[in-house]
Structure formats: C-alpha cells, structure tokens
Amino acid sequence: MTSHITTLVEPVVTGHGYDLDEVIVHWPDSAAQPAAVAGVRREIKVVVDRDGANDLDEIATISRDISGLLDADPDVPADPYHLEVTSPGVDRPLTAPRHWRRARGRKVTVELSDADTPSITGRVGELTEDSVTLVVNARGRITSRAVALASIAKAVVQVDFSRPSVTELELCGLDEQEIEQRRQERA
C-alpha cells in the first residue's frame, strides 16, 4: 500500500513546490486487529520538505488535497485512518544531497565509518557530488574540513542555541542576506 500511496501523493506534493521525503503507512490487517481493539490505529504519514522555510498554511493545503485524493481512491481501504502531513523533524538523518543543501550553515554531528575519527561536529558548508565541507569552531579556532560522503555513517542536525560568527557562516557559503536572516533568527 505504501508504494501506491506514494505514487498518488507525490504529484500533489511536488505541485505545491515541495519534495516528498517519505511516506509511512501503518495499516494493521483488519481481520487480525479490528479497529475496535484499543491502541490499534491506522496511520498514513507524509513527510514533505522544500528549500527555504516551510509554510504551515501550504502544508495544511497539501494535507487537505491528499486527504481528498486518498478518500476518492478505490484502492485505499475505506477504513478510518489518521493522516499526518508534516515536515521532517530536526533529528532526521541527512541522507540525500538535498538534505545537506538545506542544512547549509546548520550545526551537524557526523559519525564517520573511519575508526580513527569517530565523529565531527561542525556547520554544513559547500556540498559537491562526493563530499561536504564542515566548518568546525574549536574554541574560536575556525577550520574547514572536506568529508567524503561515502565515509559518513550517520549525520544529524543538532539543536543549536549558539550564535555562529559571521566568519563561520561565510565559510559555509551563506551570502550577506542569508547571514542576516540567520542572525535575526537567533536574536
């Protein structure tokens, strides 16, 4: 059912200028677990994202459009279900180039498959086809380090309450307008 729903909702999501990150379907078998049994819940979760800030009104519109589409599709069972259309959480692993691009300037922790350097924490800088530059601030000493994407076991954006310096953000490749916007977000 997940692939069918993905095929249905992707044009709706992209039509609103978003990328479809993931579709998660939890649909227990009705015969094995009737809906009347406490705790059994049918769910469809659609995760969407785009460059720039997500617009909650637009996500609500996407949700209404998807709901109407699913309700009208004869291949989606008529059983009651909960539909959630959401943006990715801050703890979403960075796995695709667009995730890295959208995280530019954000602080990340990168776990490497190389045992000599188990992890690096820094801000996401330039992204190429096969590497990402991390801007590392070690007690005021700012350095850049290129990391091969193939050597990354896991990468996650960190909740960051610090105020990065202009130098750090410039090294990440942000322009003056983006830097000013980031600094206002922290004010």
N, C-alpha and C. Protein backbone atom coordinates (compact mmCIF):
# COMPACT_ATOMS: atom_id res chain seq x y z
N MET A 1 0.81 -1.19 0.00
CA MET A 1 0.00 0.00 0.00
C MET A 1 0.87 1.26 0.00
N THR A 2 2.06 1.20 0.61
CA THR A 2 2.92 2.37 0.68
C THR A 2 3.30 2.88 -0.70
N SER A 3 3.67 1.97 -1.60
CA SER A 3 4.08 2.42 -2.94
C SER A 3 2.90 3.03 -3.69
N HIS A 4 1.71 2.49 -3.53
CA HIS A 4 0.53 3.04 -4.19
C HIS A 4 0.24 4.46 -3.67
N ILE A 5 0.28 4.62 -2.36
CA ILE A 5 0.02 5.94 -1.77
C ILE A 5 1.11 6.94 -2.18
N THR A 6 2.35 6.48 -2.21
CA THR A 6 3.44 7.35 -2.65
C THR A 6 3.19 7.84 -4.07
N THR A 7 2.81 6.94 -4.96
CA THR A 7 2.51 7.30 -6.35
C THR A 7 1.36 8.30 -6.42
N LEU A 8 0.36 8.13 -5.57
CA LEU A 8 -0.78 9.05 -5.56
C LEU A 8 -0.41 10.44 -5.08
N VAL A 9 0.34 10.51 -3.97
CA VAL A 9 0.53 11.81 -3.32
C VAL A 9 1.70 12.62 -3.88
N GLU A 10 2.66 11.97 -4.52
CA GLU A 10 3.84 12.71 -4.99
C GLU A 10 3.49 13.87 -5.92
N PRO A 11 2.61 13.70 -6.91
CA PRO A 11 2.27 14.85 -7.77
C PRO A 11 1.62 16.00 -7.00
N VAL A 12 0.84 15.68 -5.98
CA VAL A 12 0.22 16.73 -5.16
C VAL A 12 1.30 17.52 -4.43
N VAL A 13 2.22 16.80 -3.82
CA VAL A 13 3.29 17.43 -3.04
C VAL A 13 4.18 18.29 -3.95
N THR A 14 4.64 17.72 -5.06
CA THR A 14 5.52 18.48 -5.96
C THR A 14 4.78 19.63 -6.62
N GLY A 15 3.49 19.47 -6.83
CA GLY A 15 2.69 20.55 -7.41
C GLY A 15 2.62 21.78 -6.52
N HIS A 16 2.87 21.59 -5.23
CA HIS A 16 2.90 22.71 -4.28
C HIS A 16 4.33 23.21 -4.04
N GLY A 17 5.29 22.69 -4.81
CA GLY A 17 6.67 23.15 -4.67
C GLY A 17 7.45 22.48 -3.56
N TYR A 18 6.99 21.34 -3.11
CA TYR A 18 7.68 20.59 -2.05
C TYR A 18 8.24 19.30 -2.63
N ASP A 19 9.18 18.71 -1.89
CA ASP A 19 9.69 17.38 -2.20
C ASP A 19 9.02 16.39 -1.26
N LEU A 20 8.72 15.22 -1.77
CA LEU A 20 8.19 14.15 -0.94
C LEU A 20 9.38 13.41 -0.35
N ASP A 21 9.58 13.55 0.96
CA ASP A 21 10.70 12.90 1.62
C ASP A 21 10.41 11.45 1.96
N GLU A 22 9.19 11.20 2.43
CA GLU A 22 8.89 9.84 2.90
C GLU A 22 7.39 9.67 3.07
N VAL A 23 6.93 8.45 2.84
CA VAL A 23 5.56 8.06 3.16
C VAL A 23 5.65 6.84 4.07
N ILE A 24 5.00 6.93 5.23
CA ILE A 24 4.99 5.82 6.19
C ILE A 24 3.54 5.41 6.38
N VAL A 25 3.26 4.14 6.15
CA VAL A 25 1.90 3.63 6.29
C VAL A 25 1.89 2.56 7.37
N HIS A 26 1.03 2.75 8.35
CA HIS A 26 0.80 1.74 9.38
C HIS A 26 -0.66 1.35 9.27
N TRP A 27 -0.89 0.18 8.68
CA TRP A 27 -2.26 -0.25 8.38
C TRP A 27 -2.41 -1.70 8.81
N PRO A 28 -2.67 -1.94 10.11
CA PRO A 28 -2.82 -3.32 10.57
C PRO A 28 -3.95 -4.03 9.83
N ASP A 29 -3.79 -5.31 9.65
CA ASP A 29 -4.81 -6.13 8.99
C ASP A 29 -6.10 -6.07 9.80
N SER A 30 -7.18 -5.69 9.14
CA SER A 30 -8.48 -5.53 9.81
C SER A 30 -8.95 -6.82 10.47
N ALA A 31 -8.73 -7.95 9.84
CA ALA A 31 -9.19 -9.22 10.40
C ALA A 31 -8.38 -9.59 11.64
N ALA A 32 -7.07 -9.33 11.57
CA ALA A 32 -6.20 -9.70 12.69
C ALA A 32 -6.34 -8.73 13.86
N GLN A 33 -6.54 -7.43 13.56
CA GLN A 33 -6.64 -6.43 14.61
C GLN A 33 -7.78 -5.47 14.29
N PRO A 34 -8.97 -5.80 14.69
CA PRO A 34 -10.10 -4.91 14.40
C PRO A 34 -9.88 -3.53 15.00
N ALA A 35 -10.41 -2.51 14.34
CA ALA A 35 -10.23 -1.13 14.77
C ALA A 35 -10.79 -0.89 16.17
N ALA A 36 -11.73 -1.72 16.58
CA ALA A 36 -12.34 -1.54 17.90
C ALA A 36 -11.38 -1.89 19.03
N VAL A 37 -10.31 -2.63 18.71
CA VAL A 37 -9.34 -3.00 19.73
C VAL A 37 -8.57 -1.75 20.14
N ALA A 38 -8.50 -1.50 21.43
CA ALA A 38 -7.81 -0.31 21.93
C ALA A 38 -6.36 -0.30 21.48
N GLY A 39 -5.89 0.85 21.07
CA GLY A 39 -4.50 1.01 20.69
C GLY A 39 -4.19 0.74 19.23
N VAL A 40 -5.12 0.16 18.49
CA VAL A 40 -4.88 -0.10 17.07
C VAL A 40 -5.28 1.14 16.30
N ARG A 41 -4.35 1.66 15.52
CA ARG A 41 -4.61 2.89 14.79
C ARG A 41 -4.00 2.79 13.40
N ARG A 42 -4.79 3.09 12.41
CA ARG A 42 -4.30 3.12 11.04
C ARG A 42 -3.79 4.53 10.77
N GLU A 43 -2.58 4.59 10.24
CA GLU A 43 -1.96 5.90 10.03
C GLU A 43 -1.27 5.97 8.68
N ILE A 44 -1.32 7.15 8.10
CA ILE A 44 -0.54 7.47 6.91
C ILE A 44 0.19 8.77 7.24
N LYS A 45 1.51 8.70 7.20
CA LYS A 45 2.33 9.88 7.48
C LYS A 45 3.07 10.26 6.21
N VAL A 46 2.91 11.51 5.80
CA VAL A 46 3.55 12.02 4.59
C VAL A 46 4.52 13.12 5.02
N VAL A 47 5.80 12.92 4.76
CA VAL A 47 6.83 13.89 5.16
C VAL A 47 7.25 14.68 3.93
N VAL A 48 7.11 16.01 4.02
CA VAL A 48 7.42 16.90 2.90
C VAL A 48 8.46 17.93 3.33
N ASP A 49 9.21 18.43 2.37
CA ASP A 49 10.22 19.44 2.66
C ASP A 49 10.49 20.25 1.40
N ARG A 50 11.11 21.40 1.58
CA ARG A 50 11.49 22.23 0.44
C ARG A 50 12.64 23.12 0.86
N ASP A 51 13.27 23.74 -0.12
CA ASP A 51 14.29 24.73 0.17
C ASP A 51 13.61 25.92 0.81
N GLY A 52 14.26 26.54 1.76
CA GLY A 52 13.67 27.67 2.46
C GLY A 52 12.74 27.19 3.55
N ALA A 53 12.09 28.15 4.17
CA ALA A 53 11.20 27.83 5.30
C ALA A 53 9.94 27.14 4.81
N ASN A 54 9.47 26.20 5.60
CA ASN A 54 8.19 25.55 5.30
C ASN A 54 7.05 26.47 5.71
N ASP A 55 6.00 26.48 4.91
CA ASP A 55 4.83 27.33 5.15
C ASP A 55 3.71 26.44 5.71
N LEU A 56 3.33 26.68 6.95
CA LEU A 56 2.32 25.83 7.60
C LEU A 56 0.98 25.87 6.88
N ASP A 57 0.60 27.03 6.36
CA ASP A 57 -0.66 27.11 5.61
C ASP A 57 -0.59 26.25 4.35
N GLU A 58 0.56 26.27 3.69
CA GLU A 58 0.73 25.46 2.47
C GLU A 58 0.71 23.97 2.82
N ILE A 59 1.33 23.59 3.93
CA ILE A 59 1.31 22.19 4.35
C ILE A 59 -0.12 21.76 4.69
N ALA A 60 -0.90 22.65 5.29
CA ALA A 60 -2.31 22.34 5.57
C ALA A 60 -3.09 22.14 4.27
N THR A 61 -2.79 22.95 3.26
CA THR A 61 -3.44 22.79 1.95
C THR A 61 -3.05 21.46 1.32
N ILE A 62 -1.77 21.11 1.41
CA ILE A 62 -1.30 19.82 0.89
C ILE A 62 -2.05 18.69 1.60
N SER A 63 -2.20 18.81 2.91
CA SER A 63 -2.90 17.78 3.69
C SER A 63 -4.35 17.62 3.22
N ARG A 64 -5.04 18.72 3.01
CA ARG A 64 -6.43 18.65 2.53
C ARG A 64 -6.50 18.01 1.15
N ASP A 65 -5.57 18.40 0.26
CA ASP A 65 -5.55 17.83 -1.09
C ASP A 65 -5.29 16.33 -1.06
N ILE A 66 -4.33 15.91 -0.23
CA ILE A 66 -4.02 14.48 -0.12
C ILE A 66 -5.20 13.72 0.48
N SER A 67 -5.82 14.28 1.50
CA SER A 67 -6.97 13.63 2.13
C SER A 67 -8.08 13.38 1.12
N GLY A 68 -8.40 14.38 0.32
CA GLY A 68 -9.44 14.21 -0.71
C GLY A 68 -9.07 13.16 -1.73
N LEU A 69 -7.79 13.15 -2.12
CA LEU A 69 -7.31 12.18 -3.10
C LEU A 69 -7.40 10.75 -2.55
N LEU A 70 -6.96 10.56 -1.30
CA LEU A 70 -7.00 9.22 -0.70
C LEU A 70 -8.43 8.75 -0.49
N ASP A 71 -9.29 9.66 -0.05
CA ASP A 71 -10.69 9.28 0.17
C ASP A 71 -11.39 8.87 -1.12
N ALA A 72 -10.97 9.46 -2.23
CA ALA A 72 -11.61 9.18 -3.53
C ALA A 72 -11.01 7.97 -4.24
N ASP A 73 -9.84 7.50 -3.79
CA ASP A 73 -9.17 6.40 -4.48
C ASP A 73 -9.77 5.06 -4.07
N PRO A 74 -10.25 4.26 -5.03
CA PRO A 74 -10.88 2.98 -4.70
C PRO A 74 -9.89 1.94 -4.14
N ASP A 75 -8.59 2.14 -4.37
CA ASP A 75 -7.60 1.17 -3.88
C ASP A 75 -7.16 1.44 -2.44
N VAL A 76 -7.59 2.56 -1.87
CA VAL A 76 -7.29 2.85 -0.46
C VAL A 76 -8.52 2.41 0.33
N PRO A 77 -8.34 1.47 1.26
CA PRO A 77 -9.49 0.97 2.03
C PRO A 77 -10.26 2.11 2.70
N ALA A 78 -11.56 1.91 2.82
CA ALA A 78 -12.44 2.94 3.41
C ALA A 78 -12.36 2.97 4.93
N ASP A 79 -11.54 2.09 5.53
CA ASP A 79 -11.39 2.08 6.99
C ASP A 79 -10.93 3.46 7.48
N PRO A 80 -11.36 3.86 8.67
CA PRO A 80 -10.89 5.14 9.22
C PRO A 80 -9.37 5.11 9.43
N TYR A 81 -8.73 6.24 9.21
CA TYR A 81 -7.28 6.33 9.41
C TYR A 81 -6.94 7.76 9.80
N HIS A 82 -5.74 7.92 10.32
CA HIS A 82 -5.21 9.23 10.70
C HIS A 82 -4.18 9.63 9.64
N LEU A 83 -4.36 10.80 9.04
CA LEU A 83 -3.41 11.32 8.05
C LEU A 83 -2.61 12.43 8.69
N GLU A 84 -1.29 12.32 8.59
CA GLU A 84 -0.41 13.37 9.09
C GLU A 84 0.49 13.81 7.94
N VAL A 85 0.45 15.09 7.61
CA VAL A 85 1.37 15.67 6.65
C VAL A 85 2.26 16.60 7.44
N THR A 86 3.56 16.37 7.39
CA THR A 86 4.48 17.08 8.27
C THR A 86 5.81 17.35 7.58
N SER A 87 6.58 18.23 8.16
CA SER A 87 7.95 18.44 7.69
C SER A 87 8.85 17.53 8.51
N PRO A 88 10.07 17.27 8.02
CA PRO A 88 10.96 16.38 8.76
C PRO A 88 11.34 16.99 10.10
N GLY A 89 11.53 16.17 11.08
CA GLY A 89 11.98 16.65 12.38
C GLY A 89 13.45 17.01 12.34
N VAL A 90 13.88 17.72 13.35
CA VAL A 90 15.27 18.14 13.42
C VAL A 90 16.20 16.94 13.52
N ASP A 91 15.69 15.81 13.99
CA ASP A 91 16.52 14.63 14.17
C ASP A 91 16.59 13.73 12.93
N ARG A 92 16.05 14.21 11.80
CA ARG A 92 16.10 13.41 10.58
C ARG A 92 17.56 13.29 10.11
N PRO A 93 18.02 12.08 9.86
CA PRO A 93 19.38 11.93 9.33
C PRO A 93 19.52 12.59 7.96
N LEU A 94 20.68 13.15 7.70
CA LEU A 94 20.97 13.73 6.39
C LEU A 94 21.45 12.60 5.49
N THR A 95 20.62 12.21 4.54
CA THR A 95 20.94 11.06 3.69
C THR A 95 20.99 11.40 2.21
N ALA A 96 20.33 12.46 1.81
CA ALA A 96 20.26 12.83 0.39
C ALA A 96 20.95 14.18 0.18
N PRO A 97 21.46 14.43 -1.02
CA PRO A 97 22.10 15.73 -1.28
C PRO A 97 21.22 16.92 -0.92
N ARG A 98 19.91 16.82 -1.17
CA ARG A 98 19.04 17.96 -0.84
C ARG A 98 18.98 18.20 0.66
N HIS A 99 19.13 17.16 1.49
CA HIS A 99 19.15 17.34 2.94
C HIS A 99 20.37 18.17 3.35
N TRP A 100 21.52 17.84 2.75
CA TRP A 100 22.75 18.57 3.04
C TRP A 100 22.62 20.02 2.57
N ARG A 101 22.07 20.21 1.39
CA ARG A 101 21.92 21.57 0.84
C ARG A 101 21.03 22.41 1.75
N ARG A 102 19.96 21.84 2.23
CA ARG A 102 19.02 22.57 3.10
C ARG A 102 19.60 22.83 4.48
N ALA A 103 20.59 22.05 4.88
CA ALA A 103 21.20 22.21 6.21
C ALA A 103 22.41 23.14 6.18
N ARG A 104 22.70 23.75 5.05
CA ARG A 104 23.87 24.62 4.94
C ARG A 104 23.85 25.68 6.04
N GLY A 105 24.96 25.79 6.75
CA GLY A 105 25.08 26.73 7.85
C GLY A 105 24.62 26.18 9.19
N ARG A 106 23.94 25.06 9.19
CA ARG A 106 23.44 24.45 10.43
C ARG A 106 24.53 23.57 11.06
N LYS A 107 24.47 23.45 12.38
CA LYS A 107 25.43 22.60 13.08
C LYS A 107 24.98 21.14 12.97
N VAL A 108 25.91 20.27 12.62
CA VAL A 108 25.63 18.84 12.48
C VAL A 108 26.68 18.03 13.22
N THR A 109 26.29 16.84 13.62
CA THR A 109 27.26 15.87 14.11
C THR A 109 27.29 14.75 13.09
N VAL A 110 28.50 14.47 12.63
CA VAL A 110 28.72 13.48 11.59
C VAL A 110 29.50 12.32 12.18
N GLU A 111 28.92 11.14 12.13
CA GLU A 111 29.62 9.93 12.55
C GLU A 111 30.26 9.32 11.31
N LEU A 112 31.55 9.07 11.41
CA LEU A 112 32.29 8.53 10.27
C LEU A 112 32.49 7.03 10.42
N SER A 113 32.60 6.37 9.29
CA SER A 113 32.87 4.93 9.31
C SER A 113 34.34 4.66 9.60
N ASP A 114 35.17 5.71 9.55
CA ASP A 114 36.60 5.61 9.85
C ASP A 114 36.80 5.58 11.36
N ALA A 115 37.42 4.54 11.87
CA ALA A 115 37.60 4.38 13.31
C ALA A 115 38.57 5.40 13.90
N ASP A 116 39.47 5.97 13.08
CA ASP A 116 40.44 6.94 13.59
C ASP A 116 39.78 8.24 14.02
N THR A 117 38.73 8.66 13.33
CA THR A 117 37.99 9.87 13.66
C THR A 117 36.52 9.49 13.74
N PRO A 118 36.04 9.11 14.92
CA PRO A 118 34.68 8.59 15.00
C PRO A 118 33.59 9.61 14.67
N SER A 119 33.78 10.90 15.05
CA SER A 119 32.74 11.88 14.75
C SER A 119 33.32 13.29 14.66
N ILE A 120 32.58 14.15 13.96
CA ILE A 120 32.96 15.55 13.80
C ILE A 120 31.68 16.37 13.99
N THR A 121 31.79 17.47 14.72
CA THR A 121 30.68 18.40 14.83
C THR A 121 31.11 19.71 14.20
N GLY A 122 30.30 20.20 13.29
CA GLY A 122 30.61 21.46 12.61
C GLY A 122 29.40 21.94 11.84
N ARG A 123 29.56 23.03 11.14
CA ARG A 123 28.48 23.60 10.34
C ARG A 123 28.63 23.14 8.89
N VAL A 124 27.49 22.89 8.25
CA VAL A 124 27.50 22.40 6.87
C VAL A 124 27.89 23.53 5.94
N GLY A 125 28.90 23.26 5.14
CA GLY A 125 29.36 24.21 4.14
C GLY A 125 29.07 23.72 2.74
N GLU A 126 30.05 23.88 1.87
CA GLU A 126 29.88 23.54 0.46
C GLU A 126 29.64 22.04 0.27
N LEU A 127 28.75 21.74 -0.65
CA LEU A 127 28.43 20.35 -0.99
C LEU A 127 28.82 20.12 -2.44
N THR A 128 29.58 19.05 -2.67
CA THR A 128 29.90 18.64 -4.04
C THR A 128 29.25 17.28 -4.26
N GLU A 129 29.49 16.72 -5.40
CA GLU A 129 28.90 15.42 -5.72
C GLU A 129 29.35 14.33 -4.76
N ASP A 130 30.60 14.43 -4.27
CA ASP A 130 31.11 13.35 -3.43
C ASP A 130 31.61 13.78 -2.05
N SER A 131 31.46 15.07 -1.69
CA SER A 131 31.92 15.49 -0.37
C SER A 131 31.13 16.69 0.14
N VAL A 132 31.27 16.91 1.44
CA VAL A 132 30.68 18.08 2.09
C VAL A 132 31.78 18.72 2.93
N THR A 133 31.78 20.04 2.97
CA THR A 133 32.73 20.75 3.81
C THR A 133 32.06 21.06 5.14
N LEU A 134 32.76 20.72 6.22
CA LEU A 134 32.28 21.06 7.56
C LEU A 134 33.14 22.18 8.11
N VAL A 135 32.51 23.22 8.62
CA VAL A 135 33.20 24.35 9.23
C VAL A 135 33.17 24.10 10.74
N VAL A 136 34.36 23.88 11.30
CA VAL A 136 34.48 23.48 12.71
C VAL A 136 35.02 24.65 13.52
N ASN A 137 34.34 24.98 14.61
CA ASN A 137 34.79 26.03 15.52
C ASN A 137 35.22 25.36 16.81
N ALA A 138 36.53 25.22 16.98
CA ALA A 138 37.08 24.60 18.19
C ALA A 138 37.62 25.72 19.08
N ARG A 139 36.77 26.20 19.97
CA ARG A 139 37.12 27.27 20.92
C ARG A 139 37.67 28.50 20.22
N GLY A 140 36.97 28.94 19.19
CA GLY A 140 37.35 30.15 18.47
C GLY A 140 38.29 29.93 17.30
N ARG A 141 38.84 28.74 17.18
CA ARG A 141 39.72 28.42 16.05
C ARG A 141 38.84 27.75 14.98
N ILE A 142 38.62 28.48 13.89
CA ILE A 142 37.70 28.02 12.85
C ILE A 142 38.48 27.38 11.71
N THR A 143 38.13 26.14 11.40
CA THR A 143 38.76 25.42 10.30
C THR A 143 37.68 24.80 9.42
N SER A 144 38.08 24.47 8.21
CA SER A 144 37.18 23.77 7.28
C SER A 144 37.76 22.40 6.99
N ARG A 145 36.88 21.43 6.88
CA ARG A 145 37.33 20.07 6.59
C ARG A 145 36.38 19.43 5.59
N ALA A 146 36.92 18.96 4.47
CA ALA A 146 36.13 18.24 3.48
C ALA A 146 35.98 16.80 3.94
N VAL A 147 34.75 16.31 3.90
CA VAL A 147 34.46 14.94 4.33
C VAL A 147 33.79 14.22 3.16
N ALA A 148 34.34 13.08 2.79
CA ALA A 148 33.74 12.29 1.71
C ALA A 148 32.38 11.77 2.16
N LEU A 149 31.37 11.97 1.32
CA LEU A 149 30.02 11.49 1.67
C LEU A 149 30.01 9.98 1.89
N ALA A 150 30.84 9.27 1.14
CA ALA A 150 30.90 7.81 1.27
C ALA A 150 31.43 7.37 2.63
N SER A 151 32.16 8.25 3.33
CA SER A 151 32.73 7.89 4.64
C SER A 151 31.80 8.21 5.81
N ILE A 152 30.63 8.78 5.51
CA ILE A 152 29.70 9.17 6.57
C ILE A 152 28.75 8.02 6.89
N ALA A 153 28.80 7.58 8.15
CA ALA A 153 27.89 6.53 8.60
C ALA A 153 26.53 7.13 8.99
N LYS A 154 26.55 8.31 9.61
CA LYS A 154 25.32 8.97 10.05
C LYS A 154 25.60 10.45 10.24
N ALA A 155 24.63 11.29 9.88
CA ALA A 155 24.75 12.73 10.10
C ALA A 155 23.40 13.28 10.50
N VAL A 156 23.39 14.08 11.57
CA VAL A 156 22.15 14.64 12.10
C VAL A 156 22.36 16.10 12.47
N VAL A 157 21.39 16.95 12.11
CA VAL A 157 21.42 18.35 12.51
C VAL A 157 21.23 18.42 14.01
N GLN A 158 22.01 19.27 14.66
CA GLN A 158 21.93 19.44 16.11
C GLN A 158 21.03 20.61 16.48
N VAL A 159 20.35 20.50 17.59
CA VAL A 159 19.63 21.65 18.14
C VAL A 159 20.73 22.57 18.65
N ASP A 160 20.76 23.78 18.14
CA ASP A 160 21.90 24.68 18.37
C ASP A 160 21.41 26.01 18.92
N PHE A 161 21.81 26.31 20.14
CA PHE A 161 21.42 27.57 20.76
C PHE A 161 22.54 28.61 20.68
N SER A 162 23.67 28.23 20.10
CA SER A 162 24.78 29.17 19.99
C SER A 162 24.55 30.12 18.81
N ARG A 163 25.25 31.21 18.84
CA ARG A 163 25.15 32.19 17.75
C ARG A 163 26.44 32.10 16.94
N PRO A 164 26.37 31.52 15.74
CA PRO A 164 27.59 31.36 14.95
C PRO A 164 28.13 32.72 14.52
N SER A 165 29.45 32.79 14.37
CA SER A 165 30.08 34.03 13.93
C SER A 165 29.81 34.24 12.44
N VAL A 166 29.94 35.49 12.01
CA VAL A 166 29.79 35.81 10.59
C VAL A 166 30.81 35.02 9.78
N THR A 167 32.02 34.89 10.31
CA THR A 167 33.08 34.15 9.61
C THR A 167 32.67 32.70 9.37
N GLU A 168 32.11 32.06 10.40
CA GLU A 168 31.65 30.68 10.24
C GLU A 168 30.62 30.57 9.12
N LEU A 169 29.64 31.47 9.15
CA LEU A 169 28.57 31.41 8.16
C LEU A 169 29.08 31.73 6.76
N GLU A 170 30.04 32.65 6.66
CA GLU A 170 30.64 32.95 5.35
C GLU A 170 31.37 31.72 4.82
N LEU A 171 32.11 31.04 5.70
CA LEU A 171 32.82 29.83 5.28
C LEU A 171 31.85 28.71 4.87
N CYS A 172 30.63 28.77 5.39
CA CYS A 172 29.60 27.80 5.00
C CYS A 172 29.01 28.13 3.62
N GLY A 173 29.33 29.32 3.11
CA GLY A 173 28.84 29.70 1.79
C GLY A 173 27.57 30.53 1.81
N LEU A 174 27.17 31.02 2.98
CA LEU A 174 25.98 31.86 3.06
C LEU A 174 26.32 33.27 2.60
N ASP A 175 25.38 33.91 1.90
CA ASP A 175 25.60 35.29 1.47
C ASP A 175 25.15 36.24 2.58
N GLU A 176 25.35 37.55 2.37
CA GLU A 176 25.05 38.54 3.41
C GLU A 176 23.59 38.48 3.86
N GLN A 177 22.68 38.33 2.91
CA GLN A 177 21.25 38.28 3.25
C GLN A 177 20.93 37.04 4.10
N GLU A 178 21.49 35.89 3.73
CA GLU A 178 21.25 34.66 4.49
C GLU A 178 21.85 34.76 5.89
N ILE A 179 23.03 35.39 5.98
CA ILE A 179 23.67 35.56 7.28
C ILE A 179 22.82 36.46 8.17
N GLU A 180 22.34 37.56 7.62
CA GLU A 180 21.50 38.48 8.40
C GLU A 180 20.22 37.78 8.87
N GLN A 181 19.64 36.98 7.99
CA GLN A 181 18.42 36.24 8.36
C GLN A 181 18.71 35.28 9.51
N ARG A 182 19.82 34.54 9.43
CA ARG A 182 20.18 33.60 10.50
C ARG A 182 20.42 34.33 11.82
N ARG A 183 21.08 35.47 11.73
CA ARG A 183 21.39 36.22 12.95
C ARG A 183 20.11 36.79 13.57
N GLN A 184 19.14 37.16 12.76
CA GLN A 184 17.87 37.65 13.29
C GLN A 184 17.07 36.52 13.92
N GLU A 185 17.19 35.31 13.37
CA GLU A 185 16.51 34.14 13.96
C GLU A 185 17.00 33.90 15.38
N ARG A 186 18.25 34.22 15.64
CA ARG A 186 18.86 33.97 16.95
C ARG A 186 18.61 35.12 17.93
N ALA A 187 18.18 36.27 17.42
CA ALA A 187 18.02 37.45 18.30
C ALA A 187 16.81 37.33 19.19
